[in-house]
Amino acid sequence: MTFSTSNILHSKTCTLRNIQHSIKNAGFTLEYLPVYSPDLNPIEHKWAQAKARRRKYRCDVDTLFSTSLF
């Protein structure tokens, strides 16, 4: 099970502590994930390339992906 540390959980510290305590008492280990960064996600780089080519060729999305512009 994965929990995200969103603003909702940050604003309810007491609830977060209860959740953490319950998870640990159930015998599970908590693993904290780093904050999301688009720079670490390879698909974000591909979308940036697609957007750049779309601007360069001034075409719509269907044309971009139906032709061999990549």
PDB file of N, CA and C in Angstrom:
ATOM      1  N   MET A   1       0.852  -1.159   0.000  1.00  0.00           N
ATOM      2  CA  MET A   1       0.000   0.000   0.000  1.00  0.00           C
ATOM      3  C   MET A   1       0.899   1.222   0.000  1.00  0.00           C
ATOM      4  N   THR A   2       0.545   2.223  -0.770  1.00  0.00           N
ATOM      5  CA  THR A   2       1.349   3.426  -0.887  1.00  0.00           C
ATOM      6  C   THR A   2       0.560   4.629  -0.418  1.00  0.00           C
ATOM      7  N   PHE A   3       1.186   5.447   0.370  1.00  0.00           N
ATOM      8  CA  PHE A   3       0.590   6.705   0.796  1.00  0.00           C
ATOM      9  C   PHE A   3       1.445   7.840   0.271  1.00  0.00           C
ATOM     10  N   SER A   4       0.820   8.856  -0.212  1.00  0.00           N
ATOM     11  CA  SER A   4       1.529  10.039  -0.700  1.00  0.00           C
ATOM     12  C   SER A   4       1.515  11.104   0.379  1.00  0.00           C
ATOM     13  N   THR A   5       2.622  11.807   0.515  1.00  0.00           N
ATOM     14  CA  THR A   5       2.644  12.894   1.479  1.00  0.00           C
ATOM     15  C   THR A   5       2.185  14.162   0.787  1.00  0.00           C
ATOM     16  N   SER A   6       0.897  14.277   0.621  1.00  0.00           N
ATOM     17  CA  SER A   6       0.333  15.447  -0.022  1.00  0.00           C
ATOM     18  C   SER A   6       0.052  16.518   1.017  1.00  0.00           C
ATOM     19  N   ASN A   7      -0.408  17.654   0.569  1.00  0.00           N
ATOM     20  CA  ASN A   7      -0.728  18.747   1.481  1.00  0.00           C
ATOM     21  C   ASN A   7      -1.802  18.346   2.479  1.00  0.00           C
ATOM     22  N   ILE A   8      -2.694  17.470   2.069  1.00  0.00           N
ATOM     23  CA  ILE A   8      -3.761  17.035   2.974  1.00  0.00           C
ATOM     24  C   ILE A   8      -3.157  16.323   4.173  1.00  0.00           C
ATOM     25  N   LEU A   9      -2.209  15.430   3.933  1.00  0.00           N
ATOM     26  CA  LEU A   9      -1.601  14.712   5.041  1.00  0.00           C
ATOM     27  C   LEU A   9      -0.718  15.620   5.883  1.00  0.00           C
ATOM     28  N   HIS A  10      -0.043  16.576   5.267  1.00  0.00           N
ATOM     29  CA  HIS A  10       0.794  17.493   6.022  1.00  0.00           C
ATOM     30  C   HIS A  10      -0.048  18.349   6.963  1.00  0.00           C
ATOM     31  N   SER A  11      -1.238  18.690   6.535  1.00  0.00           N
ATOM     32  CA  SER A  11      -2.080  19.530   7.375  1.00  0.00           C
ATOM     33  C   SER A  11      -2.726  18.741   8.504  1.00  0.00           C
ATOM     34  N   LYS A  12      -2.681  17.429   8.426  1.00  0.00           N
ATOM     35  CA  LYS A  12      -3.280  16.586   9.453  1.00  0.00           C
ATOM     36  C   LYS A  12      -2.200  15.680  10.027  1.00  0.00           C
ATOM     37  N   THR A  13      -1.241  16.295  10.705  1.00  0.00           N
ATOM     38  CA  THR A  13      -0.103  15.553  11.237  1.00  0.00           C
ATOM     39  C   THR A  13      -0.532  14.452  12.185  1.00  0.00           C
ATOM     40  N   CYS A  14      -1.543  14.729  12.983  1.00  0.00           N
ATOM     41  CA  CYS A  14      -2.021  13.729  13.929  1.00  0.00           C
ATOM     42  C   CYS A  14      -2.518  12.489  13.185  1.00  0.00           C
ATOM     43  N   THR A  15      -3.268  12.682  12.128  1.00  0.00           N
ATOM     44  CA  THR A  15      -3.769  11.574  11.326  1.00  0.00           C
ATOM     45  C   THR A  15      -2.611  10.810  10.684  1.00  0.00           C
ATOM     46  N   LEU A  16      -1.630  11.523  10.201  1.00  0.00           N
ATOM     47  CA  LEU A  16      -0.466  10.894   9.586  1.00  0.00           C
ATOM     48  C   LEU A  16       0.261  10.022  10.596  1.00  0.00           C
ATOM     49  N   ARG A  17       0.426  10.526  11.804  1.00  0.00           N
ATOM     50  CA  ARG A  17       1.087   9.722  12.841  1.00  0.00           C
ATOM     51  C   ARG A  17       0.286   8.461  13.150  1.00  0.00           C
ATOM     52  N   ASN A  18      -1.025   8.585  13.184  1.00  0.00           N
ATOM     53  CA  ASN A  18      -1.872   7.416  13.434  1.00  0.00           C
ATOM     54  C   ASN A  18      -1.715   6.381  12.323  1.00  0.00           C
ATOM     55  N   ILE A  19      -1.670   6.843  11.096  1.00  0.00           N
ATOM     56  CA  ILE A  19      -1.502   5.938   9.954  1.00  0.00           C
ATOM     57  C   ILE A  19      -0.150   5.246  10.034  1.00  0.00           C
ATOM     58  N   GLN A  20       0.906   6.022  10.302  1.00  0.00           N
ATOM     59  CA  GLN A  20       2.247   5.453  10.394  1.00  0.00           C
ATOM     60  C   GLN A  20       2.308   4.411  11.513  1.00  0.00           C
ATOM     61  N   HIS A  21       1.733   4.729  12.649  1.00  0.00           N
ATOM     62  CA  HIS A  21       1.731   3.820  13.797  1.00  0.00           C
ATOM     63  C   HIS A  21       0.987   2.524  13.454  1.00  0.00           C
ATOM     64  N   SER A  22      -0.156   2.655  12.805  1.00  0.00           N
ATOM     65  CA  SER A  22      -0.945   1.475  12.436  1.00  0.00           C
ATOM     66  C   SER A  22      -0.196   0.584  11.457  1.00  0.00           C
ATOM     67  N   ILE A  23       0.466   1.186  10.501  1.00  0.00           N
ATOM     68  CA  ILE A  23       1.219   0.416   9.505  1.00  0.00           C
ATOM     69  C   ILE A  23       2.366  -0.337  10.179  1.00  0.00           C
ATOM     70  N   LYS A  24       3.106   0.350  11.031  1.00  0.00           N
ATOM     71  CA  LYS A  24       4.222  -0.296  11.722  1.00  0.00           C
ATOM     72  C   LYS A  24       3.737  -1.412  12.644  1.00  0.00           C
ATOM     73  N   ASN A  25       2.623  -1.174  13.350  1.00  0.00           N
ATOM     74  CA  ASN A  25       2.072  -2.201  14.247  1.00  0.00           C
ATOM     75  C   ASN A  25       1.576  -3.423  13.482  1.00  0.00           C
ATOM     76  N   ALA A  26       1.201  -3.244  12.221  1.00  0.00           N
ATOM     77  CA  ALA A  26       0.734  -4.366  11.401  1.00  0.00           C
ATOM     78  C   ALA A  26       1.908  -5.165  10.836  1.00  0.00           C
ATOM     79  N   GLY A  27       3.138  -4.721  11.119  1.00  0.00           N
ATOM     80  CA  GLY A  27       4.319  -5.461  10.674  1.00  0.00           C
ATOM     81  C   GLY A  27       4.868  -5.034   9.332  1.00  0.00           C
ATOM     82  N   PHE A  28       4.400  -3.916   8.828  1.00  0.00           N
ATOM     83  CA  PHE A  28       4.891  -3.420   7.546  1.00  0.00           C
ATOM     84  C   PHE A  28       5.977  -2.386   7.749  1.00  0.00           C
ATOM     85  N   THR A  29       6.771  -2.176   6.717  1.00  0.00           N
ATOM     86  CA  THR A  29       7.827  -1.185   6.744  1.00  0.00           C
ATOM     87  C   THR A  29       7.416   0.014   5.896  1.00  0.00           C
ATOM     88  N   LEU A  30       7.614   1.184   6.451  1.00  0.00           N
ATOM     89  CA  LEU A  30       7.322   2.404   5.694  1.00  0.00           C
ATOM     90  C   LEU A  30       8.525   2.778   4.849  1.00  0.00           C
ATOM     91  N   GLU A  31       8.292   3.098   3.607  1.00  0.00           N
ATOM     92  CA  GLU A  31       9.347   3.590   2.724  1.00  0.00           C
ATOM     93  C   GLU A  31       8.907   4.938   2.196  1.00  0.00           C
ATOM     94  N   TYR A  32       9.739   5.916   2.393  1.00  0.00           N
ATOM     95  CA  TYR A  32       9.409   7.272   1.971  1.00  0.00           C
ATOM     96  C   TYR A  32       9.995   7.522   0.589  1.00  0.00           C
ATOM     97  N   LEU A  33       9.155   7.945  -0.312  1.00  0.00           N
ATOM     98  CA  LEU A  33       9.573   8.213  -1.682  1.00  0.00           C
ATOM     99  C   LEU A  33      10.002   9.662  -1.820  1.00  0.00           C
ATOM    100  N   PRO A  34      10.917   9.934  -2.750  1.00  0.00           N
ATOM    101  CA  PRO A  34      11.321  11.329  -2.957  1.00  0.00           C
ATOM    102  C   PRO A  34      10.170  12.122  -3.565  1.00  0.00           C
ATOM    103  N   VAL A  35      10.268  13.413  -3.433  1.00  0.00           N
ATOM    104  CA  VAL A  35       9.285  14.302  -4.035  1.00  0.00           C
ATOM    105  C   VAL A  35       9.325  14.095  -5.546  1.00  0.00           C
ATOM    106  N   TYR A  36       8.165  14.124  -6.193  1.00  0.00           N
ATOM    107  CA  TYR A  36       8.102  13.900  -7.631  1.00  0.00           C
ATOM    108  C   TYR A  36       8.890  14.964  -8.375  1.00  0.00           C
ATOM    109  N   SER A  37       9.673  14.533  -9.323  1.00  0.00           N
ATOM    110  CA  SER A  37      10.409  15.448 -10.180  1.00  0.00           C
ATOM    111  C   SER A  37      10.262  14.989 -11.622  1.00  0.00           C
ATOM    112  N   PRO A  38       9.711  15.844 -12.489  1.00  0.00           N
ATOM    113  CA  PRO A  38       9.580  15.448 -13.894  1.00  0.00           C
ATOM    114  C   PRO A  38      10.928  15.176 -14.557  1.00  0.00           C
ATOM    115  N   ASP A  39      12.004  15.743 -14.009  1.00  0.00           N
ATOM    116  CA  ASP A  39      13.328  15.508 -14.590  1.00  0.00           C
ATOM    117  C   ASP A  39      13.765  14.060 -14.438  1.00  0.00           C
ATOM    118  N   LEU A  40      13.190  13.349 -13.470  1.00  0.00           N
ATOM    119  CA  LEU A  40      13.557  11.953 -13.245  1.00  0.00           C
ATOM    120  C   LEU A  40      12.660  10.975 -13.981  1.00  0.00           C
ATOM    121  N   ASN A  41      11.673  11.474 -14.698  1.00  0.00           N
ATOM    122  CA  ASN A  41      10.713  10.627 -15.386  1.00  0.00           C
ATOM    123  C   ASN A  41      10.993  10.663 -16.891  1.00  0.00           C
ATOM    124  N   PRO A  42      11.474   9.576 -17.479  1.00  0.00           N
ATOM    125  CA  PRO A  42      11.861   9.571 -18.896  1.00  0.00           C
ATOM    126  C   PRO A  42      10.731   9.965 -19.856  1.00  0.00           C
ATOM    127  N   ILE A  43       9.485   9.650 -19.525  1.00  0.00           N
ATOM    128  CA  ILE A  43       8.386   9.978 -20.436  1.00  0.00           C
ATOM    129  C   ILE A  43       8.233  11.492 -20.579  1.00  0.00           C
ATOM    130  N   GLU A  44       8.579  12.229 -19.534  1.00  0.00           N
ATOM    131  CA  GLU A  44       8.486  13.687 -19.608  1.00  0.00           C
ATOM    132  C   GLU A  44       9.447  14.232 -20.669  1.00  0.00           C
ATOM    133  N   HIS A  45      10.613  13.606 -20.781  1.00  0.00           N
ATOM    134  CA  HIS A  45      11.581  14.038 -21.799  1.00  0.00           C
ATOM    135  C   HIS A  45      11.059  13.735 -23.208  1.00  0.00           C
ATOM    136  N   LYS A  46      10.419  12.582 -23.365  1.00  0.00           N
ATOM    137  CA  LYS A  46       9.855  12.233 -24.685  1.00  0.00           C
ATOM    138  C   LYS A  46       8.727  13.182 -25.055  1.00  0.00           C
ATOM    139  N   TRP A  47       7.871  13.541 -24.087  1.00  0.00           N
ATOM    140  CA  TRP A  47       6.793  14.496 -24.390  1.00  0.00           C
ATOM    141  C   TRP A  47       7.376  15.855 -24.753  1.00  0.00           C
ATOM    142  N   ALA A  48       8.454  16.245 -24.109  1.00  0.00           N
ATOM    143  CA  ALA A  48       9.095  17.520 -24.448  1.00  0.00           C
ATOM    144  C   ALA A  48       9.614  17.482 -25.888  1.00  0.00           C
ATOM    145  N   GLN A  49      10.190  16.344 -26.287  1.00  0.00           N
ATOM    146  CA  GLN A  49      10.655  16.198 -27.670  1.00  0.00           C
ATOM    147  C   GLN A  49       9.483  16.258 -28.641  1.00  0.00           C
ATOM    148  N   ALA A  50       8.384  15.585 -28.305  1.00  0.00           N
ATOM    149  CA  ALA A  50       7.211  15.580 -29.182  1.00  0.00           C
ATOM    150  C   ALA A  50       6.650  16.987 -29.329  1.00  0.00           C
ATOM    151  N   LYS A  51       6.582  17.727 -28.230  1.00  0.00           N
ATOM    152  CA  LYS A  51       6.067  19.097 -28.284  1.00  0.00           C
ATOM    153  C   LYS A  51       6.978  19.990 -29.123  1.00  0.00           C
ATOM    154  N   ALA A  52       8.285  19.789 -28.995  1.00  0.00           N
ATOM    155  CA  ALA A  52       9.230  20.595 -29.775  1.00  0.00           C
ATOM    156  C   ALA A  52       9.072  20.314 -31.268  1.00  0.00           C
ATOM    157  N   ARG A  53       8.915  19.045 -31.635  1.00  0.00           N
ATOM    158  CA  ARG A  53       8.725  18.690 -33.049  1.00  0.00           C
ATOM    159  C   ARG A  53       7.389  19.194 -33.577  1.00  0.00           C
ATOM    160  N   ARG A  54       6.384  19.154 -32.731  1.00  0.00           N
ATOM    161  CA  ARG A  54       5.066  19.663 -33.138  1.00  0.00           C
ATOM    162  C   ARG A  54       5.150  21.158 -33.436  1.00  0.00           C
ATOM    163  N   ARG A  55       5.883  21.881 -32.593  1.00  0.00           N
ATOM    164  CA  ARG A  55       6.071  23.326 -32.849  1.00  0.00           C
ATOM    165  C   ARG A  55       6.910  23.549 -34.109  1.00  0.00           C
ATOM    166  N   LYS A  56       7.959  22.742 -34.276  1.00  0.00           N
ATOM    167  CA  LYS A  56       8.855  22.897 -35.420  1.00  0.00           C
ATOM    168  C   LYS A  56       8.132  22.665 -36.740  1.00  0.00           C
ATOM    169  N   TYR A  57       7.337  21.599 -36.802  1.00  0.00           N
ATOM    170  CA  TYR A  57       6.642  21.251 -38.036  1.00  0.00           C
ATOM    171  C   TYR A  57       5.244  21.843 -38.141  1.00  0.00           C
ATOM    172  N   ARG A  58       4.807  22.504 -37.080  1.00  0.00           N
ATOM    173  CA  ARG A  58       3.488  23.140 -37.043  1.00  0.00           C
ATOM    174  C   ARG A  58       2.388  22.191 -37.501  1.00  0.00           C
ATOM    175  N   CYS A  59       2.352  21.046 -36.838  1.00  0.00           N
ATOM    176  CA  CYS A  59       1.359  20.039 -37.198  1.00  0.00           C
ATOM    177  C   CYS A  59       0.522  19.668 -35.977  1.00  0.00           C
ATOM    178  N   ASP A  60      -0.562  18.983 -36.248  1.00  0.00           N
ATOM    179  CA  ASP A  60      -1.395  18.544 -35.131  1.00  0.00           C
ATOM    180  C   ASP A  60      -0.853  17.222 -34.582  1.00  0.00           C
ATOM    181  N   VAL A  61      -1.406  16.792 -33.475  1.00  0.00           N
ATOM    182  CA  VAL A  61      -0.924  15.586 -32.799  1.00  0.00           C
ATOM    183  C   VAL A  61      -1.082  14.348 -33.665  1.00  0.00           C
ATOM    184  N   ASP A  62      -2.203  14.237 -34.364  1.00  0.00           N
ATOM    185  CA  ASP A  62      -2.425  13.066 -35.219  1.00  0.00           C
ATOM    186  C   ASP A  62      -1.359  12.964 -36.307  1.00  0.00           C
ATOM    187  N   THR A  63      -1.032  14.071 -36.931  1.00  0.00           N
ATOM    188  CA  THR A  63       0.001  14.082 -37.971  1.00  0.00           C
ATOM    189  C   THR A  63       1.365  13.746 -37.384  1.00  0.00           C
ATOM    190  N   LEU A  64       1.626  14.310 -36.217  1.00  0.00           N
ATOM    191  CA  LEU A  64       2.907  14.082 -35.565  1.00  0.00           C
ATOM    192  C   LEU A  64       3.154  12.593 -35.330  1.00  0.00           C
ATOM    193  N   PHE A  65       2.159  11.899 -34.833  1.00  0.00           N
ATOM    194  CA  PHE A  65       2.350  10.501 -34.483  1.00  0.00           C
ATOM    195  C   PHE A  65       2.042   9.531 -35.630  1.00  0.00           C
ATOM    196  N   SER A  66       1.385  10.001 -36.685  1.00  0.00           N
ATOM    197  CA  SER A  66       1.092   9.099 -37.800  1.00  0.00           C
ATOM    198  C   SER A  66       2.183   9.121 -38.868  1.00  0.00           C
ATOM    199  N   THR A  67       3.037  10.112 -38.838  1.00  0.00           N
ATOM    200  CA  THR A  67       4.132  10.185 -39.798  1.00  0.00           C
ATOM    201  C   THR A  67       5.444   9.847 -39.086  1.00  0.00           C
ATOM    202  N   SER A  68       6.498   9.772 -39.836  1.00  0.00           N
ATOM    203  CA  SER A  68       7.787   9.417 -39.245  1.00  0.00           C
ATOM    204  C   SER A  68       8.582  10.667 -38.887  1.00  0.00           C
ATOM    205  N   LEU A  69       7.971  11.569 -38.157  1.00  0.00           N
ATOM    206  CA  LEU A  69       8.675  12.771 -37.746  1.00  0.00           C
ATOM    207  C   LEU A  69       9.647  12.496 -36.596  1.00  0.00           C
ATOM    208  N   PHE A  70       9.517  11.313 -35.997  1.00  0.00           N
ATOM    209  CA  PHE A  70      10.435  10.952 -34.915  1.00  0.00           C
ATOM    210  C   PHE A  70      11.524  10.173 -35.546  1.00  0.00           C
TER     211      PHE A  70
END
